[in-house]
């Protein structure tokens, strides 16, 4: 959900930069296109590299009579 929110915000700012660059000169426009390309490239890499494994099981902390054993994630393969 947060990834979608980040994507929408970046898309909004990209469109905003695009419309404001039309009013400015050609050098600024080229710089803005380069900036837009870099942002989308890094977003694409971020979405492709992000971890998609949700099969981790959380074992909650337990009290064994003397001390509290901390919780941990158990990975099932």
N, C-alpha and C. Protein backbone atom coordinates (compact mmCIF):
# COMPACT_ATOMS: atom_id res chain seq x y z
N UNK A 1 0.82 -1.19 0.00
CA UNK A 1 0.00 0.00 0.00
C UNK A 1 0.86 1.25 0.00
N UNK A 2 1.94 1.21 0.76
CA UNK A 2 2.81 2.38 0.82
C UNK A 2 3.53 2.57 -0.51
N UNK A 3 3.86 1.47 -1.18
CA UNK A 3 4.50 1.58 -2.49
C UNK A 3 3.60 2.29 -3.49
N UNK A 4 2.32 1.99 -3.44
CA UNK A 4 1.37 2.64 -4.34
C UNK A 4 1.28 4.13 -4.03
N UNK A 5 1.26 4.47 -2.76
CA UNK A 5 1.21 5.87 -2.36
C UNK A 5 2.46 6.62 -2.82
N UNK A 6 3.62 6.02 -2.65
CA UNK A 6 4.86 6.63 -3.12
C UNK A 6 4.83 6.81 -4.63
N UNK A 7 4.36 5.80 -5.34
CA UNK A 7 4.29 5.88 -6.80
C UNK A 7 3.36 7.00 -7.24
N UNK A 8 2.21 7.15 -6.60
CA UNK A 8 1.26 8.20 -6.97
C UNK A 8 1.85 9.58 -6.69
N UNK A 9 2.53 9.75 -5.57
CA UNK A 9 3.14 11.04 -5.25
C UNK A 9 4.23 11.39 -6.25
N UNK A 10 5.08 10.42 -6.60
CA UNK A 10 6.14 10.68 -7.58
C UNK A 10 5.54 10.98 -8.94
N UNK A 11 4.50 10.27 -9.32
CA UNK A 11 3.83 10.53 -10.59
C UNK A 11 3.24 11.93 -10.62
N UNK A 12 2.64 12.36 -9.51
CA UNK A 12 2.07 13.70 -9.43
C UNK A 12 3.15 14.77 -9.60
N UNK A 13 4.26 14.61 -8.88
CA UNK A 13 5.35 15.58 -9.01
C UNK A 13 5.98 15.55 -10.40
N UNK A 14 6.03 14.38 -11.01
CA UNK A 14 6.56 14.29 -12.37
C UNK A 14 5.70 15.06 -13.35
N UNK A 15 4.40 14.90 -13.24
CA UNK A 15 3.49 15.63 -14.12
C UNK A 15 3.57 17.12 -13.84
N UNK A 16 3.70 17.49 -12.58
CA UNK A 16 3.85 18.90 -12.22
C UNK A 16 5.12 19.49 -12.83
N UNK A 17 6.23 18.78 -12.73
CA UNK A 17 7.49 19.25 -13.33
C UNK A 17 7.35 19.35 -14.84
N UNK A 18 6.69 18.38 -15.45
CA UNK A 18 6.51 18.39 -16.90
C UNK A 18 5.76 19.63 -17.36
N UNK A 19 4.67 19.98 -16.68
CA UNK A 19 3.89 21.15 -17.10
C UNK A 19 4.63 22.46 -16.84
N UNK A 20 5.37 22.54 -15.74
CA UNK A 20 6.12 23.77 -15.47
C UNK A 20 7.33 23.90 -16.39
N UNK A 21 7.87 22.78 -16.87
CA UNK A 21 9.03 22.86 -17.76
C UNK A 21 8.66 23.37 -19.14
N UNK A 22 7.42 23.23 -19.53
CA UNK A 22 6.98 23.74 -20.83
C UNK A 22 7.06 25.27 -20.87
N UNK A 23 6.91 25.91 -19.72
CA UNK A 23 6.94 27.37 -19.66
C UNK A 23 8.36 27.90 -19.64
N UNK A 24 9.33 27.07 -19.26
CA UNK A 24 10.72 27.50 -19.16
C UNK A 24 11.46 27.15 -20.45
N UNK A 25 12.77 27.39 -20.48
CA UNK A 25 13.56 27.17 -21.68
C UNK A 25 13.84 25.71 -21.99
N UNK A 26 14.54 25.47 -23.12
CA UNK A 26 14.83 24.12 -23.57
C UNK A 26 15.83 23.39 -22.67
N UNK A 27 16.80 24.12 -22.12
CA UNK A 27 17.80 23.46 -21.26
C UNK A 27 17.15 22.93 -19.99
N UNK A 28 16.25 23.68 -19.43
CA UNK A 28 15.54 23.22 -18.23
C UNK A 28 14.66 22.02 -18.56
N UNK A 29 14.04 22.04 -19.74
CA UNK A 29 13.19 20.93 -20.16
C UNK A 29 13.99 19.65 -20.28
N UNK A 30 15.17 19.72 -20.88
CA UNK A 30 16.02 18.54 -21.02
C UNK A 30 16.46 18.02 -19.65
N UNK A 31 16.79 18.92 -18.76
CA UNK A 31 17.17 18.54 -17.41
C UNK A 31 16.00 17.87 -16.68
N UNK A 32 14.81 18.37 -16.87
CA UNK A 32 13.63 17.77 -16.24
C UNK A 32 13.33 16.38 -16.79
N UNK A 33 13.49 16.20 -18.11
CA UNK A 33 13.29 14.86 -18.68
C UNK A 33 14.31 13.87 -18.12
N UNK A 34 15.53 14.31 -17.96
CA UNK A 34 16.56 13.45 -17.38
C UNK A 34 16.21 13.10 -15.93
N UNK A 35 15.74 14.08 -15.18
CA UNK A 35 15.34 13.85 -13.80
C UNK A 35 14.16 12.88 -13.71
N UNK A 36 13.19 13.04 -14.58
CA UNK A 36 12.02 12.15 -14.60
C UNK A 36 12.45 10.72 -14.93
N UNK A 37 13.34 10.57 -15.90
CA UNK A 37 13.83 9.24 -16.27
C UNK A 37 14.56 8.59 -15.10
N UNK A 38 15.41 9.35 -14.41
CA UNK A 38 16.14 8.80 -13.26
C UNK A 38 15.20 8.37 -12.14
N UNK A 39 14.19 9.17 -11.86
CA UNK A 39 13.23 8.83 -10.81
C UNK A 39 12.49 7.54 -11.14
N UNK A 40 12.00 7.42 -12.37
CA UNK A 40 11.29 6.20 -12.74
C UNK A 40 12.21 4.99 -12.77
N UNK A 41 13.45 5.19 -13.17
CA UNK A 41 14.42 4.09 -13.18
C UNK A 41 14.67 3.58 -11.77
N UNK A 42 14.90 4.49 -10.82
CA UNK A 42 15.14 4.07 -9.44
C UNK A 42 13.89 3.47 -8.80
N UNK A 43 12.72 3.98 -9.15
CA UNK A 43 11.48 3.38 -8.63
C UNK A 43 11.30 1.96 -9.17
N UNK A 44 11.59 1.77 -10.44
CA UNK A 44 11.48 0.44 -11.03
C UNK A 44 12.43 -0.54 -10.35
N UNK A 45 13.66 -0.10 -10.13
CA UNK A 45 14.62 -0.96 -9.44
C UNK A 45 14.15 -1.25 -8.01
N UNK A 46 13.62 -0.25 -7.32
CA UNK A 46 13.14 -0.43 -5.96
C UNK A 46 12.02 -1.46 -5.90
N UNK A 47 11.07 -1.39 -6.84
CA UNK A 47 9.95 -2.32 -6.83
C UNK A 47 10.38 -3.73 -7.22
N UNK A 48 11.37 -3.86 -8.09
CA UNK A 48 11.80 -5.19 -8.51
C UNK A 48 12.68 -5.87 -7.46
N UNK A 49 13.45 -5.10 -6.72
CA UNK A 49 14.37 -5.68 -5.74
C UNK A 49 13.69 -5.96 -4.40
N UNK A 50 12.59 -5.29 -4.12
CA UNK A 50 11.96 -5.42 -2.80
C UNK A 50 11.59 -6.87 -2.51
N UNK A 51 11.67 -7.23 -1.24
CA UNK A 51 11.42 -8.60 -0.81
C UNK A 51 9.94 -8.92 -0.89
N UNK A 52 9.62 -10.04 -1.52
CA UNK A 52 8.22 -10.44 -1.69
C UNK A 52 7.88 -11.68 -0.87
N UNK A 53 8.80 -12.14 -0.06
CA UNK A 53 8.58 -13.36 0.71
C UNK A 53 7.78 -13.05 1.98
N UNK A 54 6.55 -13.52 2.02
CA UNK A 54 5.68 -13.30 3.18
C UNK A 54 5.42 -14.60 3.94
N UNK A 55 6.27 -15.59 3.77
CA UNK A 55 6.04 -16.88 4.40
C UNK A 55 6.75 -17.01 5.75
N UNK A 56 7.12 -15.90 6.34
CA UNK A 56 7.75 -15.94 7.64
C UNK A 56 6.67 -16.00 8.72
N UNK A 57 6.86 -16.89 9.68
CA UNK A 57 5.91 -17.05 10.77
C UNK A 57 6.50 -16.41 12.02
N UNK A 58 5.74 -15.55 12.67
CA UNK A 58 6.21 -14.88 13.88
C UNK A 58 5.87 -15.72 15.10
N UNK A 59 6.89 -16.06 15.87
CA UNK A 59 6.72 -16.77 17.13
C UNK A 59 6.75 -15.71 18.23
N UNK A 60 5.64 -15.49 18.96
CA UNK A 60 5.60 -14.41 19.96
C UNK A 60 6.45 -14.74 21.19
N UNK A 61 6.77 -13.72 21.98
CA UNK A 61 7.53 -13.96 23.20
C UNK A 61 6.72 -14.79 24.20
N UNK A 62 7.41 -15.61 24.96
CA UNK A 62 6.75 -16.45 25.98
C UNK A 62 7.49 -16.32 27.30
N UNK A 63 6.76 -16.52 28.37
CA UNK A 63 7.33 -16.51 29.72
C UNK A 63 7.44 -17.95 30.17
N UNK A 64 8.68 -18.41 30.46
CA UNK A 64 8.88 -19.81 30.82
C UNK A 64 8.97 -20.04 32.33
N UNK A 65 8.58 -19.07 33.14
CA UNK A 65 8.60 -19.22 34.59
C UNK A 65 9.71 -18.41 35.24
N UNK A 66 10.83 -18.28 34.56
CA UNK A 66 11.95 -17.51 35.11
C UNK A 66 12.24 -16.25 34.29
N UNK A 67 12.20 -16.40 33.01
CA UNK A 67 12.55 -15.27 32.15
C UNK A 67 11.64 -15.26 30.92
N UNK A 68 11.67 -14.14 30.21
CA UNK A 68 10.88 -13.99 28.99
C UNK A 68 11.77 -14.35 27.80
N UNK A 69 11.32 -15.33 27.03
CA UNK A 69 12.03 -15.71 25.81
C UNK A 69 11.51 -14.81 24.69
N UNK A 70 12.40 -14.03 24.05
CA UNK A 70 11.93 -13.07 23.04
C UNK A 70 11.34 -13.76 21.81
N UNK A 71 10.46 -13.03 21.14
CA UNK A 71 9.87 -13.54 19.92
C UNK A 71 10.84 -13.48 18.76
N UNK A 72 10.55 -14.27 17.73
CA UNK A 72 11.41 -14.30 16.55
C UNK A 72 10.59 -14.73 15.34
N UNK A 73 11.19 -14.55 14.15
CA UNK A 73 10.55 -14.98 12.92
C UNK A 73 11.12 -16.32 12.52
N UNK A 74 10.24 -17.29 12.24
CA UNK A 74 10.63 -18.61 11.80
C UNK A 74 10.40 -18.69 10.30
N UNK A 75 11.46 -18.92 9.54
CA UNK A 75 11.33 -18.98 8.09
C UNK A 75 11.02 -20.41 7.67
N UNK A 76 9.93 -20.59 6.93
CA UNK A 76 9.57 -21.91 6.41
C UNK A 76 9.89 -21.93 4.92
N UNK A 77 10.59 -22.97 4.50
CA UNK A 77 10.91 -23.11 3.07
C UNK A 77 10.23 -24.33 2.53
